[in-house]
Amino acid sequence: MDDEKPALNLMARLIGDREDAQVVGAYTSPSELLEDIGSLMPDLVFLDIEMPAMSGLEMASRLLELHEDIEVVFVTAYRQYALEAFGVHAVDYLLKPVDPNSLSRTIERAIKRKKRTNPAKWTATPPRIVCFGDFEIRKAENSAPIRFPTAKAEELFAYLLVHRNTAISKWTLCDSLWPEVMSTDKVEHKLHVTMHRMKKTLHDSGFGVRLSTQKGFYRMECHELCDYIEFEQAVSHPIDSENGNIEALSHAVELYKGPLFANRDYAWCEAERERISRYFAILSKRLAKSHLGRNRYQQASEVLLTLLSHVPFDEEAHELLLRTYQAMHDGAAFLSHYKKLEKCYQEELGAEPPVLFRHMYADHANR
């Protein structure tokens, strides 16, 4: 919690970028934090010591009275507050501006302590929302998917997930999910009933989503692990494959298992589905080129084959794959892929492959 919005956003981003931690809330208001703390139940809280409404020291005392297992780290611009911080059983303090390395060490120490005191919680598989190639919500890796009572309740959750952290008008929701219903009263009733069913399902399942309503607008925040959200974060933070960040690039590509909300006929989702597919293709080709630059031909071919299984008419990917087989001196693989490419263009488009590919094939045949 911090009353300075830029500092709060920076802390949330630094913590949210970690794979071993997730942000369940960010607050500038002490009263809102106290109201929500029972449902959030965070393991670790970062508090700014100096705030006008209630100091961080007072807030820490209140939080520890409510939940003694919460660990507190103070953030302050003044070193002299350190002794006071430890007087209320804070586990650490950080000086402003927060150094990312110091923050990382603090989080790692907190995780180690939690693992020692409650190992079962920290070894359990966290809940996960799968949006690529299907649409499933699971409490644990091997548990059965959570079922919404109606298809519309599931679709409403999908819509709010795509538009998370944004205030959505109830009329926008109505037009998107029930475009065929002309009666204002009837469609508003449908929204209220569906919203209730969705919220009850998520609440009963213990999922970390926060839904707020104000003056006809709905806003959802999702704090669960979700492949779609992870992919979005990867896209929003540039991944520089030239500087060796291949692991991050590979992880982003591996998240994509198929179209967003596959097998769901969500008309409002078509543009977003296409956008995600386009970014997947961009990241896949960037990863393949990175592998090729390091003479990792097998890895490059695997990435490109996966891409083409999802986006079969990506001409650049076909060219890269053919050139990869040439670099591997694998004539059989080159010919096999060209024949598949030729058949695909003929059957699906009623045309020959592009001129470039025919020239590549002719050059290969003349060698």
Protein backbone atom coordinates (compact mmCIF):
# COMPACT_ATOMS: atom_id res chain seq x y z
CA MET A 1 0.00 0.00 0.00
CA ASP A 2 1.27 3.45 -0.96
CA ASP A 3 -0.55 6.76 -1.38
CA GLU A 4 1.73 7.69 -4.30
CA LYS A 5 0.23 6.07 -7.40
CA PRO A 6 3.46 5.96 -9.51
CA ALA A 7 5.40 4.28 -6.69
CA LEU A 8 2.53 1.82 -6.18
CA ASN A 9 2.42 0.94 -9.89
CA LEU A 10 6.19 0.41 -9.97
CA MET A 11 6.07 -1.98 -7.01
CA ALA A 12 3.15 -3.89 -8.54
CA ARG A 13 5.01 -4.24 -11.85
CA LEU A 14 8.27 -5.39 -10.22
CA ILE A 15 6.46 -8.02 -8.15
CA GLY A 16 4.09 -9.03 -10.97
CA ASP A 17 7.01 -9.72 -13.30
CA ARG A 18 8.22 -12.53 -11.02
CA GLU A 19 7.18 -16.14 -11.67
CA ASP A 20 7.20 -17.06 -7.95
CA ALA A 21 4.92 -14.24 -6.75
CA GLN A 22 1.68 -12.59 -7.76
CA VAL A 23 0.05 -9.29 -6.85
CA VAL A 24 -3.37 -9.80 -5.24
CA GLY A 25 -4.04 -6.12 -4.61
CA ALA A 26 -2.60 -2.61 -4.76
CA TYR A 27 -4.10 0.13 -2.58
CA THR A 28 -3.80 3.84 -1.89
CA SER A 29 -6.63 3.77 0.69
CA PRO A 30 -6.05 2.15 4.14
CA SER A 31 -9.79 1.62 4.65
CA GLU A 32 -10.15 -0.29 1.36
CA LEU A 33 -7.23 -2.53 2.23
CA LEU A 34 -8.67 -3.33 5.66
CA GLU A 35 -12.04 -4.08 4.06
CA ASP A 36 -10.56 -6.50 1.51
CA ILE A 37 -7.82 -8.14 3.56
CA GLY A 38 -10.07 -11.00 4.70
CA SER A 39 -10.75 -12.15 1.13
CA LEU A 40 -7.24 -11.46 -0.19
CA MET A 41 -5.26 -13.15 2.61
CA PRO A 42 -1.83 -12.14 1.25
CA ASP A 43 1.34 -13.77 2.54
CA LEU A 44 3.36 -10.57 2.30
CA VAL A 45 2.32 -6.89 2.46
CA PHE A 46 4.42 -3.88 1.47
CA LEU A 47 3.46 -0.71 3.35
CA ASP A 48 4.64 2.86 2.93
CA ILE A 49 5.37 4.18 6.43
CA GLU A 50 4.42 7.79 5.71
CA MET A 51 0.80 8.23 4.64
CA PRO A 52 -1.68 10.98 5.59
CA ALA A 53 -4.77 8.96 6.56
CA MET A 54 -3.06 6.19 8.53
CA SER A 55 0.65 5.53 8.89
CA GLY A 56 2.15 2.28 7.73
CA LEU A 57 3.07 1.48 11.33
CA GLU A 58 -0.58 1.79 12.41
CA MET A 59 -1.74 -0.24 9.41
CA ALA A 60 0.75 -3.01 10.21
CA SER A 61 -0.58 -3.29 13.74
CA ARG A 62 -4.17 -3.52 12.45
CA LEU A 63 -3.25 -6.16 9.87
CA LEU A 64 -1.35 -8.30 12.35
CA GLU A 65 -4.32 -8.17 14.73
CA LEU A 66 -6.56 -9.49 11.96
CA HIS A 67 -4.15 -12.10 10.56
CA GLU A 68 -1.01 -12.88 12.49
CA ASP A 69 0.48 -14.93 9.62
CA ILE A 70 0.82 -11.90 7.33
CA GLU A 71 4.39 -10.68 6.90
CA VAL A 72 5.02 -6.96 6.59
CA VAL A 73 7.75 -5.11 4.73
CA PHE A 74 7.95 -1.34 5.11
CA VAL A 75 8.89 1.02 2.32
CA THR A 76 10.25 4.38 3.46
CA ALA A 77 12.33 7.30 2.30
CA TYR A 78 13.88 7.66 5.75
CA ARG A 79 16.27 5.17 7.30
CA GLN A 80 15.46 6.32 10.86
CA TYR A 81 12.10 4.52 10.65
CA ALA A 82 13.85 1.15 10.58
CA LEU A 83 13.83 0.59 14.34
CA GLU A 84 10.15 1.54 14.59
CA ALA A 85 9.39 -0.83 11.73
CA PHE A 86 10.92 -3.78 13.53
CA GLY A 87 9.02 -2.72 16.67
CA VAL A 88 5.79 -3.87 15.01
CA HIS A 89 7.38 -7.16 13.88
CA ALA A 90 8.14 -6.13 10.32
CA VAL A 91 10.33 -8.71 8.60
CA ASP A 92 12.22 -6.14 6.53
CA TYR A 93 12.23 -2.58 5.24
CA LEU A 94 13.15 -1.06 1.88
CA LEU A 95 14.37 2.45 1.17
CA LYS A 96 12.83 4.58 -1.57
CA PRO A 97 13.41 4.57 -4.45
CA VAL A 98 13.07 0.81 -4.24
CA ASP A 99 16.01 -1.08 -5.69
CA PRO A 100 14.77 -4.11 -7.73
CA ASN A 101 17.61 -6.29 -6.41
CA SER A 102 16.78 -5.45 -2.80
CA LEU A 103 13.11 -6.13 -3.45
CA SER A 104 14.00 -9.48 -5.04
CA ARG A 105 16.09 -10.53 -2.03
CA THR A 106 13.28 -9.55 0.35
CA ILE A 107 10.70 -11.62 -1.56
CA GLU A 108 13.04 -14.63 -1.80
CA ARG A 109 13.65 -14.54 1.97
CA ALA A 110 9.91 -14.33 2.62
CA ILE A 111 9.23 -17.31 0.35
CA LYS A 112 11.87 -19.40 2.13
CA ARG A 113 10.32 -18.57 5.51
CA LYS A 114 6.83 -19.46 4.28
CA LYS A 115 8.03 -22.77 2.86
CA ARG A 116 9.54 -23.67 6.22
CA THR A 117 6.44 -22.73 8.23
CA ASN A 118 3.77 -24.04 5.81
CA PRO A 119 5.34 -26.40 3.26
CA ALA A 120 2.02 -27.93 2.14
CA LYS A 121 0.68 -24.60 0.93
CA TRP A 122 3.79 -23.75 -1.06
CA THR A 123 4.10 -27.11 -2.80
CA ALA A 124 0.45 -27.28 -3.88
CA THR A 125 -0.37 -26.64 -7.52
CA PRO A 126 -1.97 -23.19 -7.81
CA PRO A 127 -5.29 -22.66 -9.57
CA ARG A 128 -4.97 -22.05 -13.29
CA ILE A 129 -7.11 -20.57 -16.03
CA VAL A 130 -6.47 -22.02 -19.50
CA CYS A 131 -7.66 -19.90 -22.43
CA PHE A 132 -5.53 -21.15 -25.33
CA GLY A 133 -6.76 -24.18 -27.25
CA ASP A 134 -9.70 -24.53 -24.85
CA PHE A 135 -11.31 -22.68 -21.97
CA GLU A 136 -10.93 -24.36 -18.58
CA ILE A 137 -10.66 -23.27 -14.98
CA ARG A 138 -9.07 -25.73 -12.60
CA LYS A 139 -8.34 -25.58 -8.89
CA ALA A 140 -5.36 -27.89 -9.35
CA GLU A 141 -3.50 -29.48 -12.22
CA ASN A 142 -5.25 -32.86 -12.03
CA SER A 143 -8.66 -31.73 -10.80
CA ALA A 144 -11.78 -31.64 -12.93
CA PRO A 145 -12.57 -28.31 -14.62
CA ILE A 146 -14.91 -26.01 -12.75
CA ARG A 147 -18.30 -25.87 -14.44
CA PHE A 148 -20.38 -22.72 -14.70
CA PRO A 149 -24.15 -23.26 -14.34
CA THR A 150 -24.80 -21.77 -17.79
CA ALA A 151 -22.82 -21.15 -20.97
CA LYS A 152 -23.55 -17.42 -20.64
CA ALA A 153 -22.03 -17.31 -17.15
CA GLU A 154 -18.86 -18.82 -18.58
CA GLU A 155 -18.92 -16.38 -21.52
CA LEU A 156 -19.39 -13.43 -19.18
CA PHE A 157 -16.30 -14.48 -17.24
CA ALA A 158 -14.37 -14.80 -20.52
CA TYR A 159 -15.46 -11.30 -21.57
CA LEU A 160 -14.46 -9.75 -18.25
CA LEU A 161 -11.15 -11.63 -18.34
CA VAL A 162 -10.29 -10.15 -21.75
CA HIS A 163 -11.34 -6.69 -20.54
CA ARG A 164 -9.89 -7.04 -17.03
CA ASN A 165 -8.81 -3.93 -15.11
CA THR A 166 -11.21 -1.86 -17.23
CA ALA A 167 -14.58 -0.38 -16.31
CA ILE A 168 -17.19 -1.91 -18.65
CA SER A 169 -20.67 -0.42 -19.04
CA LYS A 170 -23.53 -2.80 -18.37
CA TRP A 171 -24.97 -1.83 -21.75
CA THR A 172 -21.72 -2.80 -23.47
CA LEU A 173 -21.96 -6.18 -21.77
CA CYS A 174 -25.57 -6.56 -22.82
CA ASP A 175 -24.88 -5.65 -26.45
CA SER A 176 -21.87 -7.99 -26.61
CA LEU A 177 -23.43 -11.06 -24.99
CA TRP A 178 -27.12 -10.68 -25.96
CA PRO A 179 -27.16 -8.72 -29.23
CA GLU A 180 -30.39 -10.41 -30.28
CA VAL A 181 -32.41 -9.25 -27.23
CA MET A 182 -34.13 -5.94 -28.02
CA SER A 183 -36.02 -5.41 -24.75
CA THR A 184 -34.03 -3.23 -22.33
CA ASP A 185 -35.67 -4.69 -19.24
CA LYS A 186 -35.25 -8.27 -20.42
CA VAL A 187 -31.57 -7.96 -21.33
CA GLU A 188 -30.74 -6.12 -18.09
CA HIS A 189 -32.42 -8.93 -16.14
CA LYS A 190 -30.38 -11.49 -18.06
CA LEU A 191 -27.17 -9.65 -17.18
CA HIS A 192 -28.00 -9.45 -13.46
CA VAL A 193 -28.89 -13.14 -13.24
CA THR A 194 -25.82 -14.21 -15.23
CA MET A 195 -23.53 -11.95 -13.18
CA HIS A 196 -24.87 -13.49 -9.97
CA ARG A 197 -24.31 -17.04 -11.25
CA MET A 198 -20.78 -16.23 -12.41
CA LYS A 199 -19.80 -14.56 -9.12
CA LYS A 200 -21.23 -17.42 -7.07
CA THR A 201 -19.32 -20.03 -9.10
CA LEU A 202 -16.03 -18.16 -8.73
CA HIS A 203 -16.61 -17.50 -5.03
CA ASP A 204 -17.52 -21.11 -4.26
CA SER A 205 -14.40 -22.24 -6.14
CA GLY A 206 -12.14 -19.89 -4.19
CA PHE A 207 -10.78 -18.08 -7.21
CA GLY A 208 -8.81 -14.87 -6.79
CA VAL A 209 -10.88 -12.43 -8.78
CA ARG A 210 -12.18 -9.10 -7.56
CA LEU A 211 -15.35 -7.75 -9.14
CA SER A 212 -16.53 -4.23 -8.39
CA THR A 213 -19.66 -2.39 -9.53
CA GLN A 214 -20.16 1.36 -9.66
CA LYS A 215 -22.85 3.42 -11.38
CA GLY A 216 -23.65 0.83 -14.03
CA PHE A 217 -20.05 -0.16 -14.71
CA TYR A 218 -18.35 -3.47 -13.89
CA ARG A 219 -14.62 -3.99 -13.35
CA MET A 220 -12.83 -7.29 -12.77
CA GLU A 221 -9.30 -7.87 -11.51
CA CYS A 222 -7.86 -11.37 -11.86
CA HIS A 223 -5.05 -12.57 -9.62
CA GLU A 224 -4.94 -16.19 -10.74
CA LEU A 225 -2.33 -17.77 -12.99
CA CYS A 226 -3.67 -17.60 -16.54
CA ASP A 227 -1.93 -18.47 -19.82
CA TYR A 228 -3.65 -15.61 -21.66
CA ILE A 229 -2.60 -13.03 -19.05
CA GLU A 230 0.97 -14.36 -19.01
CA PHE A 231 1.09 -14.13 -22.80
CA GLU A 232 -0.25 -10.57 -22.70
CA GLN A 233 2.44 -9.61 -20.21
CA ALA A 234 5.12 -11.12 -22.46
CA VAL A 235 3.82 -9.15 -25.43
CA SER A 236 3.65 -5.89 -23.47
CA HIS A 237 7.27 -6.28 -22.29
CA PRO A 238 9.64 -6.48 -25.28
CA ILE A 239 11.71 -9.67 -25.34
CA ASP A 240 15.15 -9.14 -26.86
CA SER A 241 16.20 -12.45 -28.37
CA GLU A 242 19.44 -10.90 -29.61
CA ASN A 243 20.65 -10.48 -26.04
CA GLY A 244 20.17 -14.09 -25.08
CA ASN A 245 16.69 -13.87 -23.56
CA ILE A 246 15.62 -17.02 -25.39
CA GLU A 247 14.06 -18.63 -22.30
CA ALA A 248 11.53 -15.82 -21.90
CA LEU A 249 10.73 -15.94 -25.61
CA SER A 250 10.35 -19.73 -25.54
CA HIS A 251 8.04 -19.53 -22.53
CA ALA A 252 5.80 -16.99 -24.25
CA VAL A 253 5.56 -19.14 -27.39
CA GLU A 254 4.91 -22.34 -25.43
CA LEU A 255 1.95 -20.74 -23.66
CA TYR A 256 -0.01 -20.69 -26.92
CA LYS A 257 -1.80 -24.03 -27.43
CA GLY A 258 -4.38 -22.88 -29.93
CA PRO A 259 -6.92 -20.09 -30.55
CA LEU A 260 -8.17 -18.00 -27.66
CA PHE A 261 -11.26 -19.69 -26.17
CA ALA A 262 -11.15 -22.40 -28.83
CA ASN A 263 -14.42 -24.22 -29.49
CA ARG A 264 -16.36 -21.26 -28.08
CA ASP A 265 -18.47 -19.26 -30.52
CA TYR A 266 -17.85 -15.83 -29.01
CA ALA A 267 -18.51 -13.28 -31.77
CA TRP A 268 -17.15 -10.41 -29.65
CA CYS A 269 -13.83 -12.27 -29.35
CA GLU A 270 -12.86 -12.55 -33.03
CA ALA A 271 -10.67 -9.43 -33.16
CA GLU A 272 -8.82 -10.37 -29.97
CA ARG A 273 -8.42 -13.95 -31.14
CA GLU A 274 -6.82 -12.72 -34.37
CA ARG A 275 -4.58 -10.25 -32.52
CA ILE A 276 -3.23 -12.94 -30.19
CA SER A 277 -2.64 -15.32 -33.12
CA ARG A 278 -0.71 -12.59 -34.92
CA TYR A 279 1.51 -11.92 -31.90
CA PHE A 280 2.10 -15.65 -31.47
CA ALA A 281 3.34 -15.80 -35.06
CA ILE A 282 5.60 -12.80 -34.54
CA LEU A 283 7.17 -14.23 -31.38
CA SER A 284 7.54 -17.70 -32.93
CA LYS A 285 9.41 -16.37 -35.95
CA ARG A 286 11.60 -14.21 -33.73
CA LEU A 287 12.46 -17.29 -31.67
CA ALA A 288 13.15 -19.37 -34.77
CA LYS A 289 15.47 -16.70 -36.17
CA SER A 290 17.28 -16.58 -32.84
CA HIS A 291 17.84 -20.33 -32.99
CA LEU A 292 19.00 -20.09 -36.60
CA GLY A 293 21.47 -17.38 -35.65
CA ARG A 294 23.00 -19.85 -33.20
CA ASN A 295 22.94 -22.77 -35.68
CA ARG A 296 20.26 -24.53 -33.62
CA TYR A 297 18.49 -25.87 -36.68
CA GLN A 298 16.51 -28.61 -34.96
CA GLN A 299 15.06 -26.20 -32.40
CA ALA A 300 14.22 -23.70 -35.15
CA SER A 301 12.40 -26.32 -37.21
CA GLU A 302 10.35 -27.46 -34.19
CA VAL A 303 9.25 -23.88 -33.44
CA LEU A 304 8.29 -23.26 -37.07
CA LEU A 305 6.39 -26.53 -37.43
CA THR A 306 4.38 -25.69 -34.31
CA LEU A 307 3.66 -22.21 -35.66
CA LEU A 308 2.49 -23.60 -39.01
CA SER A 309 0.21 -26.11 -37.29
CA HIS A 310 -1.68 -23.09 -35.90
CA VAL A 311 -1.15 -20.58 -38.73
CA PRO A 312 -0.81 -22.71 -41.88
CA PHE A 313 -0.51 -19.86 -44.42
CA ASP A 314 2.26 -17.83 -42.81
CA GLU A 315 4.53 -17.40 -45.84
CA GLU A 316 7.52 -16.14 -43.85
CA ALA A 317 7.35 -19.20 -41.58
CA HIS A 318 7.29 -21.54 -44.60
CA GLU A 319 10.29 -19.76 -46.09
CA LEU A 320 12.22 -19.94 -42.81
CA LEU A 321 11.46 -23.65 -42.48
CA LEU A 322 12.58 -24.43 -46.02
CA ARG A 323 15.79 -22.46 -45.46
CA THR A 324 16.30 -24.31 -42.17
CA TYR A 325 16.13 -27.65 -43.95
CA GLN A 326 18.61 -26.34 -46.53
CA ALA A 327 20.99 -25.30 -43.75
CA MET A 328 20.62 -28.79 -42.22
CA HIS A 329 21.36 -30.33 -45.66
CA ASP A 330 18.17 -32.34 -45.17
CA GLY A 331 16.91 -32.70 -48.74
CA ALA A 332 14.23 -35.21 -47.79
CA ALA A 333 12.69 -32.85 -45.22
CA PHE A 334 12.85 -29.96 -47.72
CA LEU A 335 11.03 -31.92 -50.43
CA SER A 336 8.50 -33.34 -48.00
CA HIS A 337 7.60 -29.92 -46.66
CA TYR A 338 7.37 -28.37 -50.13
CA LYS A 339 4.99 -31.12 -51.29
CA LYS A 340 2.78 -30.57 -48.22
CA LEU A 341 2.88 -26.85 -48.87
CA GLU A 342 1.94 -27.35 -52.51
CA LYS A 343 -0.97 -29.63 -51.59
CA CYS A 344 -2.22 -27.22 -48.92
CA TYR A 345 -2.30 -24.27 -51.34
CA GLN A 346 -4.05 -26.32 -54.01
CA GLU A 347 -6.72 -27.79 -51.72
CA GLU A 348 -7.42 -24.75 -49.56
CA LEU A 349 -6.83 -21.87 -51.96
CA GLY A 350 -7.02 -23.49 -55.39
CA ALA A 351 -3.65 -21.97 -56.31
CA GLU A 352 0.02 -22.79 -56.65
CA PRO A 353 2.48 -21.86 -53.88
CA PRO A 354 3.93 -18.33 -54.10
CA VAL A 355 6.64 -17.73 -56.70
CA LEU A 356 9.41 -17.58 -54.08
CA PHE A 357 8.71 -21.14 -52.94
CA ARG A 358 8.58 -22.46 -56.49
CA HIS A 359 11.96 -20.87 -57.20
CA MET A 360 13.40 -22.41 -54.03
CA TYR A 361 12.06 -25.80 -55.12
CA ALA A 362 13.50 -25.41 -58.63
CA ASP A 363 16.91 -24.42 -57.23
CA HIS A 364 16.85 -27.43 -54.93
CA ALA A 365 15.90 -29.79 -57.78
CA ASN A 366 18.75 -28.49 -59.94
CA ARG A 367 21.45 -29.11 -57.37
